Amino acid sequence: MVFEEKLKQLIKSKYGKLSDLADKFNMNYSQLSQYVNGKKVSMDFLNKIIKEFPEADLNWLLRNDDILNESDTPYKAPLTNNQIIDKIEVLLSDLKDQMEDEK
């Protein structure tokens, strides 16, 4: 998979439309569209991507292969803060139950 395809996956994971990300970056929609369609990206744009998607593996994004993407599943955004809290609460509840069983 090439950079442009990975960039599209990344953007779709967080934004419904390219124009939403263009607005966020205060950039022209056509410039963003060119990046997504294969024009070489600027370092400024790459820095914005890294800041906007800190969970993204930069090596995965920049390599033209899937070596770092061991599964065939598309890029997935990490859990939201609320989802993380919900998972932690479940884990804590399970841990409390286990501790009570050991008494």
N, C-alpha and C. Protein backbone atom coordinates (compact mmCIF):
# COMPACT_ATOMS: atom_id res chain seq x y z
N MET A 1 0.85 -1.17 0.00
CA MET A 1 0.00 0.00 0.00
C MET A 1 0.90 1.24 0.00
N VAL A 2 0.53 2.24 -0.74
CA VAL A 2 1.34 3.45 -0.87
C VAL A 2 0.86 4.55 0.07
N PHE A 3 1.69 5.57 0.20
CA PHE A 3 1.43 6.68 1.12
C PHE A 3 0.03 7.27 0.93
N GLU A 4 -0.36 7.52 -0.31
CA GLU A 4 -1.64 8.18 -0.56
C GLU A 4 -2.81 7.37 -0.02
N GLU A 5 -2.76 6.05 -0.21
CA GLU A 5 -3.83 5.19 0.30
C GLU A 5 -3.87 5.19 1.82
N LYS A 6 -2.69 5.16 2.42
CA LYS A 6 -2.61 5.18 3.88
C LYS A 6 -3.09 6.52 4.43
N LEU A 7 -2.73 7.60 3.75
CA LEU A 7 -3.18 8.92 4.17
C LEU A 7 -4.70 9.01 4.11
N LYS A 8 -5.30 8.47 3.06
CA LYS A 8 -6.76 8.46 2.95
C LYS A 8 -7.39 7.69 4.10
N GLN A 9 -6.83 6.53 4.44
CA GLN A 9 -7.34 5.74 5.56
C GLN A 9 -7.25 6.52 6.86
N LEU A 10 -6.13 7.15 7.05
CA LEU A 10 -5.90 7.92 8.27
C LEU A 10 -6.91 9.05 8.40
N ILE A 11 -7.10 9.79 7.32
CA ILE A 11 -8.04 10.92 7.35
C ILE A 11 -9.46 10.42 7.59
N LYS A 12 -9.86 9.34 6.92
CA LYS A 12 -11.21 8.80 7.09
C LYS A 12 -11.46 8.32 8.51
N SER A 13 -10.40 7.93 9.21
CA SER A 13 -10.56 7.45 10.58
C SER A 13 -11.03 8.54 11.53
N LYS A 14 -10.81 9.80 11.15
CA LYS A 14 -11.12 10.91 12.07
C LYS A 14 -12.02 11.98 11.46
N TYR A 15 -12.02 12.09 10.13
CA TYR A 15 -12.78 13.14 9.46
C TYR A 15 -13.69 12.56 8.40
N GLY A 16 -14.87 13.11 8.27
CA GLY A 16 -15.80 12.65 7.26
C GLY A 16 -15.44 13.08 5.86
N LYS A 17 -14.88 14.28 5.75
CA LYS A 17 -14.55 14.83 4.44
C LYS A 17 -13.15 15.45 4.47
N LEU A 18 -12.52 15.46 3.32
CA LEU A 18 -11.21 16.11 3.21
C LEU A 18 -11.30 17.59 3.59
N SER A 19 -12.41 18.20 3.24
CA SER A 19 -12.56 19.63 3.52
C SER A 19 -12.52 19.91 5.02
N ASP A 20 -12.97 18.95 5.84
CA ASP A 20 -12.91 19.14 7.29
C ASP A 20 -11.47 19.23 7.77
N LEU A 21 -10.63 18.36 7.23
CA LEU A 21 -9.21 18.40 7.61
C LEU A 21 -8.53 19.63 7.01
N ALA A 22 -8.89 20.00 5.80
CA ALA A 22 -8.32 21.21 5.19
C ALA A 22 -8.64 22.42 6.06
N ASP A 23 -9.87 22.50 6.54
CA ASP A 23 -10.26 23.60 7.44
C ASP A 23 -9.43 23.57 8.72
N LYS A 24 -9.27 22.38 9.30
CA LYS A 24 -8.50 22.23 10.53
C LYS A 24 -7.06 22.71 10.34
N PHE A 25 -6.48 22.40 9.18
CA PHE A 25 -5.10 22.77 8.89
C PHE A 25 -4.98 24.18 8.29
N ASN A 26 -6.12 24.87 8.10
CA ASN A 26 -6.11 26.19 7.48
C ASN A 26 -5.38 26.15 6.13
N MET A 27 -5.73 25.15 5.34
CA MET A 27 -5.10 25.03 4.03
C MET A 27 -6.16 24.91 2.95
N ASN A 28 -5.75 25.15 1.75
CA ASN A 28 -6.64 25.07 0.60
C ASN A 28 -7.04 23.61 0.37
N TYR A 29 -8.31 23.37 0.14
CA TYR A 29 -8.81 22.02 -0.12
C TYR A 29 -8.09 21.38 -1.30
N SER A 30 -7.86 22.14 -2.35
CA SER A 30 -7.23 21.56 -3.55
C SER A 30 -5.81 21.10 -3.25
N GLN A 31 -5.10 21.80 -2.38
CA GLN A 31 -3.75 21.38 -2.00
C GLN A 31 -3.81 20.05 -1.25
N LEU A 32 -4.72 19.93 -0.31
CA LEU A 32 -4.88 18.67 0.42
C LEU A 32 -5.27 17.54 -0.52
N SER A 33 -6.16 17.83 -1.43
CA SER A 33 -6.58 16.84 -2.42
C SER A 33 -5.40 16.37 -3.26
N GLN A 34 -4.51 17.28 -3.61
CA GLN A 34 -3.33 16.90 -4.39
C GLN A 34 -2.43 15.97 -3.58
N TYR A 35 -2.26 16.25 -2.29
CA TYR A 35 -1.45 15.39 -1.44
C TYR A 35 -2.05 13.98 -1.38
N VAL A 36 -3.36 13.93 -1.22
CA VAL A 36 -4.05 12.64 -1.12
C VAL A 36 -4.00 11.88 -2.45
N ASN A 37 -3.83 12.60 -3.54
CA ASN A 37 -3.80 11.98 -4.85
C ASN A 37 -2.40 11.80 -5.42
N GLY A 38 -1.37 11.94 -4.58
CA GLY A 38 -0.04 11.56 -5.02
C GLY A 38 1.01 12.64 -5.12
N LYS A 39 0.64 13.91 -4.95
CA LYS A 39 1.66 14.96 -4.98
C LYS A 39 2.54 14.82 -3.74
N LYS A 40 3.83 15.05 -3.90
CA LYS A 40 4.73 14.96 -2.76
C LYS A 40 4.33 15.97 -1.70
N VAL A 41 4.32 15.51 -0.46
CA VAL A 41 3.90 16.36 0.64
C VAL A 41 5.06 17.21 1.15
N SER A 42 4.71 18.34 1.72
CA SER A 42 5.73 19.21 2.32
C SER A 42 6.00 18.74 3.75
N MET A 43 7.14 19.14 4.27
CA MET A 43 7.45 18.82 5.67
C MET A 43 6.45 19.48 6.61
N ASP A 44 6.00 20.67 6.27
CA ASP A 44 5.00 21.35 7.08
C ASP A 44 3.73 20.52 7.17
N PHE A 45 3.29 20.00 6.05
CA PHE A 45 2.08 19.17 6.03
C PHE A 45 2.31 17.88 6.83
N LEU A 46 3.45 17.26 6.66
CA LEU A 46 3.75 16.03 7.39
C LEU A 46 3.78 16.29 8.90
N ASN A 47 4.32 17.41 9.31
CA ASN A 47 4.31 17.78 10.73
C ASN A 47 2.89 17.95 11.25
N LYS A 48 2.03 18.55 10.44
CA LYS A 48 0.62 18.71 10.83
C LYS A 48 -0.05 17.36 10.98
N ILE A 49 0.23 16.43 10.07
CA ILE A 49 -0.35 15.09 10.14
C ILE A 49 0.10 14.39 11.42
N ILE A 50 1.38 14.50 11.73
CA ILE A 50 1.92 13.86 12.93
C ILE A 50 1.26 14.42 14.19
N LYS A 51 1.06 15.73 14.22
CA LYS A 51 0.41 16.35 15.39
C LYS A 51 -1.07 16.00 15.47
N GLU A 52 -1.75 15.94 14.33
CA GLU A 52 -3.18 15.66 14.31
C GLU A 52 -3.49 14.19 14.57
N PHE A 53 -2.57 13.32 14.17
CA PHE A 53 -2.76 11.87 14.34
C PHE A 53 -1.56 11.29 15.09
N PRO A 54 -1.39 11.65 16.38
CA PRO A 54 -0.21 11.18 17.12
C PRO A 54 -0.16 9.66 17.27
N GLU A 55 -1.30 9.03 17.12
CA GLU A 55 -1.36 7.58 17.24
C GLU A 55 -0.87 6.86 15.99
N ALA A 56 -0.69 7.59 14.91
CA ALA A 56 -0.27 6.99 13.64
C ALA A 56 1.21 6.61 13.70
N ASP A 57 1.52 5.48 13.16
CA ASP A 57 2.90 5.03 13.05
C ASP A 57 3.50 5.66 11.79
N LEU A 58 4.41 6.58 11.99
CA LEU A 58 4.99 7.31 10.86
C LEU A 58 5.72 6.37 9.90
N ASN A 59 6.37 5.35 10.44
CA ASN A 59 7.04 4.39 9.56
C ASN A 59 6.03 3.69 8.66
N TRP A 60 4.92 3.29 9.22
CA TRP A 60 3.86 2.64 8.42
C TRP A 60 3.37 3.59 7.34
N LEU A 61 3.16 4.84 7.71
CA LEU A 61 2.62 5.81 6.78
C LEU A 61 3.56 6.08 5.60
N LEU A 62 4.84 6.17 5.87
CA LEU A 62 5.78 6.57 4.84
C LEU A 62 6.34 5.43 3.98
N ARG A 63 6.26 4.23 4.47
CA ARG A 63 6.79 3.10 3.69
C ARG A 63 5.78 2.66 2.64
N ASN A 64 6.25 2.24 1.49
CA ASN A 64 5.38 1.77 0.42
C ASN A 64 5.20 0.27 0.46
N ASP A 65 5.01 -0.25 1.65
CA ASP A 65 4.71 -1.66 1.82
C ASP A 65 3.93 -1.83 3.10
N ASP A 66 3.57 -3.06 3.40
CA ASP A 66 2.78 -3.33 4.60
C ASP A 66 3.57 -4.09 5.64
N ILE A 67 4.87 -3.99 5.63
CA ILE A 67 5.68 -4.73 6.58
C ILE A 67 5.28 -4.41 8.01
N LEU A 68 5.06 -3.14 8.30
CA LEU A 68 4.70 -2.76 9.67
C LEU A 68 3.23 -2.97 9.96
N ASN A 69 2.44 -3.15 8.94
CA ASN A 69 1.02 -3.41 9.11
C ASN A 69 0.82 -4.91 8.94
N GLU A 70 1.09 -5.66 10.02
CA GLU A 70 1.14 -7.10 9.92
C GLU A 70 -0.19 -7.74 9.56
N SER A 71 -1.27 -7.12 9.88
CA SER A 71 -2.56 -7.68 9.52
C SER A 71 -3.05 -7.02 8.24
N ASP A 72 -4.04 -7.62 7.63
CA ASP A 72 -4.61 -7.06 6.41
C ASP A 72 -5.74 -6.08 6.71
N THR A 73 -5.94 -5.76 7.96
CA THR A 73 -7.01 -4.84 8.31
C THR A 73 -6.53 -3.41 8.06
N PRO A 74 -7.45 -2.54 7.67
CA PRO A 74 -7.05 -1.15 7.43
C PRO A 74 -6.68 -0.46 8.73
N TYR A 75 -6.07 0.69 8.59
CA TYR A 75 -5.69 1.47 9.76
C TYR A 75 -6.90 1.72 10.64
N LYS A 76 -6.71 1.56 11.93
CA LYS A 76 -7.79 1.82 12.87
C LYS A 76 -7.34 2.89 13.86
N ALA A 77 -8.19 3.83 14.09
CA ALA A 77 -7.89 4.86 15.07
C ALA A 77 -7.97 4.25 16.46
N PRO A 78 -7.20 4.76 17.40
CA PRO A 78 -7.27 4.23 18.76
C PRO A 78 -8.60 4.59 19.40
N LEU A 79 -8.81 4.02 20.56
CA LEU A 79 -10.04 4.28 21.29
C LEU A 79 -10.13 5.74 21.71
N THR A 80 -11.35 6.21 21.87
CA THR A 80 -11.55 7.56 22.41
C THR A 80 -11.28 7.52 23.90
N ASN A 81 -11.15 8.68 24.51
CA ASN A 81 -10.92 8.74 25.95
C ASN A 81 -12.04 8.06 26.73
N ASN A 82 -13.27 8.27 26.31
CA ASN A 82 -14.39 7.64 27.01
C ASN A 82 -14.35 6.12 26.87
N GLN A 83 -13.96 5.63 25.71
CA GLN A 83 -13.85 4.18 25.52
C GLN A 83 -12.74 3.60 26.40
N ILE A 84 -11.66 4.33 26.51
CA ILE A 84 -10.56 3.89 27.38
C ILE A 84 -11.01 3.83 28.82
N ILE A 85 -11.71 4.85 29.27
CA ILE A 85 -12.21 4.88 30.65
C ILE A 85 -13.17 3.73 30.89
N ASP A 86 -14.06 3.47 29.93
CA ASP A 86 -14.99 2.34 30.08
C ASP A 86 -14.24 1.02 30.21
N LYS A 87 -13.21 0.82 29.40
CA LYS A 87 -12.43 -0.43 29.47
C LYS A 87 -11.71 -0.53 30.81
N ILE A 88 -11.16 0.57 31.29
CA ILE A 88 -10.47 0.57 32.59
C ILE A 88 -11.45 0.23 33.70
N GLU A 89 -12.65 0.79 33.65
CA GLU A 89 -13.65 0.49 34.68
C GLU A 89 -14.00 -1.00 34.70
N VAL A 90 -14.15 -1.59 33.53
CA VAL A 90 -14.44 -3.02 33.45
C VAL A 90 -13.28 -3.83 34.03
N LEU A 91 -12.05 -3.46 33.66
CA LEU A 91 -10.89 -4.17 34.17
C LEU A 91 -10.76 -4.04 35.69
N LEU A 92 -11.02 -2.85 36.21
CA LEU A 92 -10.97 -2.65 37.66
C LEU A 92 -12.03 -3.46 38.38
N SER A 93 -13.20 -3.52 37.80
CA SER A 93 -14.27 -4.32 38.39
C SER A 93 -13.88 -5.79 38.43
N ASP A 94 -13.32 -6.29 37.33
CA ASP A 94 -12.86 -7.68 37.28
C ASP A 94 -11.76 -7.94 38.31
N LEU A 95 -10.85 -7.00 38.45
CA LEU A 95 -9.77 -7.14 39.42
C LEU A 95 -10.30 -7.18 40.84
N LYS A 96 -11.26 -6.31 41.15
CA LYS A 96 -11.87 -6.31 42.48
C LYS A 96 -12.54 -7.65 42.76
N ASP A 97 -13.25 -8.17 41.77
CA ASP A 97 -13.90 -9.48 41.93
C ASP A 97 -12.88 -10.57 42.21
N GLN A 98 -11.78 -10.55 41.49
CA GLN A 98 -10.73 -11.55 41.68
C GLN A 98 -10.11 -11.44 43.07
N MET A 99 -9.92 -10.23 43.53
CA MET A 99 -9.32 -10.02 44.86
C MET A 99 -10.28 -10.51 45.95
N GLU A 100 -11.55 -10.29 45.77
CA GLU A 100 -12.54 -10.76 46.76
C GLU A 100 -12.61 -12.29 46.77
N ASP A 101 -12.47 -12.91 45.62
CA ASP A 101 -12.49 -14.36 45.55
C ASP A 101 -11.27 -14.98 46.25
N GLU A 102 -10.15 -14.27 46.27
CA GLU A 102 -8.95 -14.78 46.90
C GLU A 102 -9.00 -14.69 48.41
N LYS A 103 -9.89 -13.90 48.97
CA LYS A 103 -9.99 -13.73 50.44
C LYS A 103 -10.53 -14.93 51.08
